[in-house]
Amino acid sequence: MGLLVVPFVAAGSQWYLRRTLAPIRPGVGRTLAVGGLTVVIAAVLAAVSVWGLAQVVGETALAQNRRELVEITRVQQGLRDKAKRNATFEQQELARAAAVSVGDLALQTFKLTLVLGLFLAVPSGIFLRK
């Protein structure tokens, strides 16, 4: 849920910049910089939050998360077209799912937050500058 808020926070920061510099137009570069900085800060906060939460809940919750991820991967593999299935690739997928670490979760959260944030921050930075 929090990941979906990030693009709107970036757009809000760009809108706030525009309102603060009311008689002057902020320009594309400044607007994109403010939106990008907002998204980067949010992505860092999200990654640190996931890492901190994983440290607090402990290894048992992470082991349960791994088991659930392996089960989800198996279900997705079962839904694949039989002509496109590859046993070696499927085993590698299961091994990666079973070996997920706290750092992997934090990095994935950082990347996803960054991509989703920039997905709206760039267009809103272009259109909210006027």
N, C-alpha and C. Protein backbone atom coordinates (compact mmCIF):
# COMPACT_ATOMS: atom_id res chain seq x y z
N MET A 1 0.82 -1.19 0.00
CA MET A 1 0.00 0.00 0.00
C MET A 1 0.86 1.25 0.00
N GLY A 2 1.92 1.23 0.79
CA GLY A 2 2.78 2.40 0.87
C GLY A 2 3.49 2.70 -0.43
N LEU A 3 3.76 1.67 -1.22
CA LEU A 3 4.43 1.87 -2.50
C LEU A 3 3.58 2.68 -3.46
N LEU A 4 2.27 2.55 -3.34
CA LEU A 4 1.37 3.28 -4.23
C LEU A 4 1.26 4.75 -3.87
N VAL A 5 1.63 5.10 -2.66
CA VAL A 5 1.55 6.48 -2.21
C VAL A 5 2.73 7.31 -2.72
N VAL A 6 3.86 6.68 -2.94
CA VAL A 6 5.09 7.39 -3.32
C VAL A 6 4.94 8.26 -4.56
N PRO A 7 4.34 7.77 -5.65
CA PRO A 7 4.19 8.65 -6.82
C PRO A 7 3.36 9.89 -6.52
N PHE A 8 2.35 9.74 -5.67
CA PHE A 8 1.51 10.89 -5.34
C PHE A 8 2.24 11.87 -4.42
N VAL A 9 3.10 11.37 -3.56
CA VAL A 9 3.92 12.24 -2.72
C VAL A 9 4.90 13.02 -3.60
N ALA A 10 5.48 12.37 -4.60
CA ALA A 10 6.39 13.07 -5.51
C ALA A 10 5.64 14.15 -6.28
N ALA A 11 4.46 13.83 -6.76
CA ALA A 11 3.66 14.84 -7.48
C ALA A 11 3.28 15.97 -6.54
N GLY A 12 2.98 15.64 -5.28
CA GLY A 12 2.66 16.67 -4.30
C GLY A 12 3.84 17.58 -4.01
N SER A 13 5.03 17.02 -3.95
CA SER A 13 6.21 17.86 -3.71
C SER A 13 6.48 18.77 -4.90
N GLN A 14 6.22 18.28 -6.10
CA GLN A 14 6.39 19.10 -7.28
C GLN A 14 5.34 20.21 -7.33
N TRP A 15 4.13 19.88 -6.93
CA TRP A 15 3.07 20.89 -6.87
C TRP A 15 3.40 21.93 -5.82
N TYR A 16 3.93 21.49 -4.65
CA TYR A 16 4.31 22.42 -3.60
C TYR A 16 5.43 23.35 -4.08
N LEU A 17 6.38 22.83 -4.83
CA LEU A 17 7.44 23.67 -5.39
C LEU A 17 6.84 24.73 -6.30
N ARG A 18 5.90 24.33 -7.12
CA ARG A 18 5.26 25.27 -8.04
C ARG A 18 4.50 26.34 -7.27
N ARG A 19 3.82 25.96 -6.20
CA ARG A 19 3.06 26.93 -5.39
C ARG A 19 4.00 27.85 -4.63
N THR A 20 5.14 27.35 -4.19
CA THR A 20 6.10 28.16 -3.44
C THR A 20 6.73 29.22 -4.33
N LEU A 21 7.04 28.87 -5.55
CA LEU A 21 7.65 29.79 -6.50
C LEU A 21 6.58 30.40 -7.42
N ALA A 22 5.44 30.75 -6.86
CA ALA A 22 4.24 31.12 -7.62
C ALA A 22 4.46 32.09 -8.78
N PRO A 23 5.07 33.23 -8.60
CA PRO A 23 5.18 34.08 -9.78
C PRO A 23 6.20 33.57 -10.79
N ILE A 24 7.16 32.81 -10.32
CA ILE A 24 8.23 32.31 -11.19
C ILE A 24 7.93 30.85 -11.51
N ARG A 25 8.16 30.47 -12.74
CA ARG A 25 8.02 29.06 -13.10
C ARG A 25 9.28 28.32 -12.69
N PRO A 26 9.13 27.14 -12.05
CA PRO A 26 10.32 26.43 -11.56
C PRO A 26 11.17 25.80 -12.64
N GLY A 27 10.65 25.51 -13.79
CA GLY A 27 11.42 24.88 -14.85
C GLY A 27 11.40 23.37 -14.73
N VAL A 28 11.67 22.72 -15.83
CA VAL A 28 11.61 21.26 -15.88
C VAL A 28 12.69 20.62 -15.01
N GLY A 29 13.89 21.13 -15.08
CA GLY A 29 15.00 20.55 -14.33
C GLY A 29 14.77 20.59 -12.84
N ARG A 30 14.35 21.72 -12.33
CA ARG A 30 14.12 21.86 -10.89
C ARG A 30 12.95 20.98 -10.45
N THR A 31 11.89 20.96 -11.24
CA THR A 31 10.72 20.15 -10.89
C THR A 31 11.06 18.66 -10.90
N LEU A 32 11.79 18.22 -11.92
CA LEU A 32 12.19 16.81 -11.97
C LEU A 32 13.15 16.47 -10.84
N ALA A 33 14.02 17.40 -10.47
CA ALA A 33 14.96 17.16 -9.38
C ALA A 33 14.22 17.02 -8.05
N VAL A 34 13.22 17.86 -7.82
CA VAL A 34 12.45 17.76 -6.58
C VAL A 34 11.69 16.45 -6.53
N GLY A 35 11.03 16.08 -7.62
CA GLY A 35 10.30 14.81 -7.66
C GLY A 35 11.22 13.62 -7.51
N GLY A 36 12.36 13.65 -8.20
CA GLY A 36 13.33 12.56 -8.10
C GLY A 36 13.91 12.42 -6.70
N LEU A 37 14.23 13.54 -6.08
CA LEU A 37 14.76 13.50 -4.71
C LEU A 37 13.72 12.97 -3.74
N THR A 38 12.48 13.36 -3.93
CA THR A 38 11.40 12.83 -3.09
C THR A 38 11.28 11.32 -3.23
N VAL A 39 11.35 10.84 -4.46
CA VAL A 39 11.23 9.41 -4.71
C VAL A 39 12.42 8.65 -4.13
N VAL A 40 13.62 9.17 -4.28
CA VAL A 40 14.81 8.51 -3.73
C VAL A 40 14.74 8.44 -2.21
N ILE A 41 14.32 9.53 -1.58
CA ILE A 41 14.18 9.52 -0.11
C ILE A 41 13.14 8.50 0.32
N ALA A 42 12.01 8.45 -0.38
CA ALA A 42 10.96 7.47 -0.05
C ALA A 42 11.45 6.05 -0.27
N ALA A 43 12.23 5.81 -1.33
CA ALA A 43 12.74 4.47 -1.60
C ALA A 43 13.73 4.03 -0.52
N VAL A 44 14.58 4.94 -0.08
CA VAL A 44 15.53 4.62 0.99
C VAL A 44 14.77 4.32 2.28
N LEU A 45 13.77 5.15 2.61
CA LEU A 45 12.98 4.90 3.81
C LEU A 45 12.25 3.55 3.74
N ALA A 46 11.72 3.21 2.58
CA ALA A 46 11.02 1.94 2.43
C ALA A 46 11.99 0.77 2.62
N ALA A 47 13.17 0.86 2.02
CA ALA A 47 14.14 -0.23 2.14
C ALA A 47 14.63 -0.38 3.58
N VAL A 48 14.90 0.72 4.24
CA VAL A 48 15.34 0.66 5.63
C VAL A 48 14.22 0.12 6.51
N SER A 49 12.98 0.47 6.21
CA SER A 49 11.85 -0.03 6.99
C SER A 49 11.70 -1.54 6.84
N VAL A 50 11.84 -2.04 5.62
CA VAL A 50 11.75 -3.49 5.40
C VAL A 50 12.89 -4.21 6.11
N TRP A 51 14.08 -3.66 6.01
CA TRP A 51 15.23 -4.28 6.68
C TRP A 51 15.03 -4.27 8.20
N GLY A 52 14.60 -3.14 8.73
CA GLY A 52 14.37 -3.05 10.18
C GLY A 52 13.27 -3.98 10.65
N LEU A 53 12.19 -4.06 9.89
CA LEU A 53 11.10 -4.96 10.25
C LEU A 53 11.57 -6.41 10.22
N ALA A 54 12.37 -6.77 9.22
CA ALA A 54 12.88 -8.13 9.14
C ALA A 54 13.80 -8.45 10.32
N GLN A 55 14.56 -7.48 10.77
CA GLN A 55 15.44 -7.70 11.92
C GLN A 55 14.62 -7.88 13.19
N VAL A 56 13.50 -7.15 13.29
CA VAL A 56 12.69 -7.22 14.50
C VAL A 56 11.90 -8.53 14.56
N VAL A 57 11.30 -8.94 13.45
CA VAL A 57 10.46 -10.14 13.49
C VAL A 57 11.26 -11.43 13.58
N GLY A 58 12.48 -11.41 13.12
CA GLY A 58 13.35 -12.56 13.31
C GLY A 58 13.35 -13.57 12.17
N GLU A 59 14.11 -14.62 12.37
CA GLU A 59 14.35 -15.62 11.34
C GLU A 59 13.13 -16.50 11.10
N THR A 60 12.30 -16.74 12.11
CA THR A 60 11.14 -17.61 11.90
C THR A 60 10.16 -16.99 10.91
N ALA A 61 9.93 -15.70 11.00
CA ALA A 61 9.02 -15.04 10.05
C ALA A 61 9.63 -15.03 8.65
N LEU A 62 10.94 -14.83 8.57
CA LEU A 62 11.61 -14.86 7.27
C LEU A 62 11.55 -16.26 6.66
N ALA A 63 11.68 -17.29 7.48
CA ALA A 63 11.57 -18.67 6.98
C ALA A 63 10.15 -18.94 6.47
N GLN A 64 9.16 -18.44 7.16
CA GLN A 64 7.78 -18.59 6.70
C GLN A 64 7.58 -17.84 5.38
N ASN A 65 8.16 -16.66 5.28
CA ASN A 65 8.08 -15.88 4.04
C ASN A 65 8.72 -16.65 2.89
N ARG A 66 9.85 -17.29 3.15
CA ARG A 66 10.51 -18.10 2.11
C ARG A 66 9.63 -19.27 1.66
N ARG A 67 9.02 -19.95 2.63
CA ARG A 67 8.14 -21.08 2.29
C ARG A 67 6.97 -20.60 1.43
N GLU A 68 6.38 -19.48 1.79
CA GLU A 68 5.27 -18.94 1.00
C GLU A 68 5.73 -18.55 -0.39
N LEU A 69 6.91 -17.97 -0.49
CA LEU A 69 7.45 -17.57 -1.79
C LEU A 69 7.71 -18.79 -2.67
N VAL A 70 8.22 -19.85 -2.08
CA VAL A 70 8.45 -21.09 -2.83
C VAL A 70 7.11 -21.65 -3.32
N GLU A 71 6.10 -21.64 -2.47
CA GLU A 71 4.79 -22.14 -2.87
C GLU A 71 4.19 -21.29 -4.00
N ILE A 72 4.31 -19.97 -3.91
CA ILE A 72 3.82 -19.08 -4.98
C ILE A 72 4.56 -19.37 -6.28
N THR A 73 5.86 -19.59 -6.19
CA THR A 73 6.65 -19.89 -7.38
C THR A 73 6.20 -21.20 -8.01
N ARG A 74 5.93 -22.21 -7.19
CA ARG A 74 5.44 -23.50 -7.71
C ARG A 74 4.11 -23.34 -8.43
N VAL A 75 3.21 -22.57 -7.86
CA VAL A 75 1.91 -22.35 -8.48
C VAL A 75 2.08 -21.63 -9.82
N GLN A 76 2.94 -20.62 -9.84
CA GLN A 76 3.18 -19.89 -11.10
C GLN A 76 3.81 -20.80 -12.15
N GLN A 77 4.69 -21.67 -11.72
CA GLN A 77 5.30 -22.62 -12.67
C GLN A 77 4.25 -23.58 -13.23
N GLY A 78 3.29 -23.97 -12.40
CA GLY A 78 2.24 -24.85 -12.87
C GLY A 78 1.31 -24.19 -13.87
N LEU A 79 1.22 -22.87 -13.82
CA LEU A 79 0.35 -22.14 -14.74
C LEU A 79 1.01 -21.89 -16.09
N ARG A 80 2.32 -22.10 -16.16
CA ARG A 80 3.05 -21.88 -17.41
C ARG A 80 2.63 -22.87 -18.47
N ASP A 81 2.73 -22.43 -19.71
CA ASP A 81 2.44 -23.30 -20.85
C ASP A 81 3.46 -24.44 -20.86
N LYS A 82 3.00 -25.64 -21.09
CA LYS A 82 3.89 -26.82 -21.07
C LYS A 82 5.00 -26.73 -22.10
N ALA A 83 4.75 -26.08 -23.21
CA ALA A 83 5.77 -25.96 -24.25
C ALA A 83 6.90 -25.03 -23.82
N LYS A 84 6.62 -24.10 -22.90
CA LYS A 84 7.63 -23.13 -22.48
C LYS A 84 8.32 -23.52 -21.18
N ARG A 85 8.00 -24.67 -20.62
CA ARG A 85 8.59 -25.07 -19.34
C ARG A 85 9.99 -25.63 -19.54
N ASN A 86 10.85 -25.33 -18.58
CA ASN A 86 12.23 -25.79 -18.59
C ASN A 86 12.55 -26.23 -17.16
N ALA A 87 12.85 -27.49 -16.98
CA ALA A 87 13.06 -28.04 -15.64
C ALA A 87 14.24 -27.39 -14.93
N THR A 88 15.32 -27.14 -15.64
CA THR A 88 16.50 -26.51 -15.03
C THR A 88 16.17 -25.11 -14.54
N PHE A 89 15.50 -24.33 -15.38
CA PHE A 89 15.12 -22.97 -15.00
C PHE A 89 14.17 -22.97 -13.81
N GLU A 90 13.23 -23.91 -13.80
CA GLU A 90 12.28 -23.97 -12.69
C GLU A 90 12.98 -24.33 -11.38
N GLN A 91 13.96 -25.21 -11.43
CA GLN A 91 14.72 -25.53 -10.22
C GLN A 91 15.52 -24.33 -9.72
N GLN A 92 16.08 -23.57 -10.66
CA GLN A 92 16.81 -22.35 -10.28
C GLN A 92 15.87 -21.33 -9.65
N GLU A 93 14.67 -21.21 -10.20
CA GLU A 93 13.68 -20.30 -9.63
C GLU A 93 13.34 -20.69 -8.19
N LEU A 94 13.11 -21.96 -7.97
CA LEU A 94 12.80 -22.44 -6.63
C LEU A 94 13.97 -22.23 -5.68
N ALA A 95 15.18 -22.44 -6.15
CA ALA A 95 16.37 -22.23 -5.30
C ALA A 95 16.52 -20.76 -4.92
N ARG A 96 16.28 -19.86 -5.90
CA ARG A 96 16.35 -18.43 -5.59
C ARG A 96 15.27 -18.02 -4.59
N ALA A 97 14.07 -18.56 -4.74
CA ALA A 97 12.98 -18.25 -3.82
C ALA A 97 13.29 -18.75 -2.42
N ALA A 98 13.92 -19.91 -2.32
CA ALA A 98 14.24 -20.48 -1.01
C ALA A 98 15.42 -19.79 -0.34
N ALA A 99 16.21 -19.03 -1.10
CA ALA A 99 17.41 -18.39 -0.55
C ALA A 99 17.26 -16.88 -0.39
N VAL A 100 16.04 -16.39 -0.37
CA VAL A 100 15.82 -14.95 -0.22
C VAL A 100 16.31 -14.50 1.15
N SER A 101 17.06 -13.40 1.17
CA SER A 101 17.57 -12.88 2.43
C SER A 101 16.93 -11.52 2.73
N VAL A 102 17.24 -11.00 3.89
CA VAL A 102 16.72 -9.70 4.29
C VAL A 102 17.22 -8.62 3.34
N GLY A 103 18.46 -8.70 2.96
CA GLY A 103 19.03 -7.73 2.02
C GLY A 103 18.34 -7.78 0.68
N ASP A 104 18.01 -8.99 0.23
CA ASP A 104 17.29 -9.13 -1.04
C ASP A 104 15.92 -8.45 -0.98
N LEU A 105 15.21 -8.66 0.13
CA LEU A 105 13.90 -8.04 0.29
C LEU A 105 14.01 -6.51 0.32
N ALA A 106 15.01 -6.00 1.04
CA ALA A 106 15.18 -4.55 1.13
C ALA A 106 15.56 -3.96 -0.23
N LEU A 107 16.44 -4.64 -0.96
CA LEU A 107 16.85 -4.16 -2.27
C LEU A 107 15.68 -4.19 -3.25
N GLN A 108 14.89 -5.24 -3.21
CA GLN A 108 13.73 -5.34 -4.09
C GLN A 108 12.72 -4.23 -3.76
N THR A 109 12.52 -3.95 -2.49
CA THR A 109 11.61 -2.87 -2.09
C THR A 109 12.13 -1.53 -2.58
N PHE A 110 13.44 -1.31 -2.45
CA PHE A 110 14.04 -0.06 -2.92
C PHE A 110 13.82 0.12 -4.43
N LYS A 111 14.11 -0.93 -5.19
CA LYS A 111 13.97 -0.85 -6.65
C LYS A 111 12.51 -0.62 -7.06
N LEU A 112 11.60 -1.35 -6.44
CA LEU A 112 10.19 -1.23 -6.79
C LEU A 112 9.66 0.16 -6.44
N THR A 113 10.03 0.67 -5.29
CA THR A 113 9.60 2.01 -4.89
C THR A 113 10.17 3.05 -5.84
N LEU A 114 11.41 2.90 -6.22
CA LEU A 114 12.05 3.84 -7.13
C LEU A 114 11.36 3.84 -8.49
N VAL A 115 11.10 2.67 -9.03
CA VAL A 115 10.46 2.57 -10.35
C VAL A 115 9.05 3.12 -10.32
N LEU A 116 8.26 2.70 -9.32
CA LEU A 116 6.88 3.20 -9.25
C LEU A 116 6.83 4.70 -9.00
N GLY A 117 7.74 5.19 -8.18
CA GLY A 117 7.77 6.63 -7.91
C GLY A 117 8.14 7.44 -9.13
N LEU A 118 9.15 6.99 -9.84
CA LEU A 118 9.57 7.73 -11.04
C LEU A 118 8.57 7.60 -12.17
N PHE A 119 7.76 6.53 -12.13
CA PHE A 119 6.75 6.32 -13.17
C PHE A 119 5.77 7.49 -13.23
N LEU A 120 5.46 8.08 -12.09
CA LEU A 120 4.56 9.23 -12.09
C LEU A 120 5.30 10.54 -11.86
N ALA A 121 6.47 10.49 -11.23
CA ALA A 121 7.20 11.73 -10.93
C ALA A 121 7.68 12.43 -12.19
N VAL A 122 8.09 11.67 -13.19
CA VAL A 122 8.58 12.29 -14.42
C VAL A 122 7.46 12.98 -15.19
N PRO A 123 6.34 12.30 -15.46
CA PRO A 123 5.27 13.01 -16.17
C PRO A 123 4.69 14.18 -15.37
N SER A 124 4.54 14.00 -14.06
CA SER A 124 3.99 15.10 -13.27
C SER A 124 4.98 16.25 -13.20
N GLY A 125 6.28 15.96 -13.21
CA GLY A 125 7.27 17.03 -13.22
C GLY A 125 7.22 17.84 -14.50
N ILE A 126 6.91 17.18 -15.58
CA ILE A 126 6.80 17.88 -16.86
C ILE A 126 5.54 18.72 -16.90
N PHE A 127 4.42 18.18 -16.44
CA PHE A 127 3.16 18.88 -16.57
C PHE A 127 2.87 19.85 -15.44
N LEU A 128 3.43 19.63 -14.24
CA LEU A 128 3.16 20.52 -13.11
C LEU A 128 4.09 21.72 -13.06
N ARG A 129 4.96 21.86 -14.00
CA ARG A 129 5.87 23.01 -13.97
C ARG A 129 5.19 24.27 -14.45
N LYS A 130 4.07 24.16 -15.12
CA LYS A 130 3.38 25.34 -15.64
C LYS A 130 2.22 25.72 -14.76
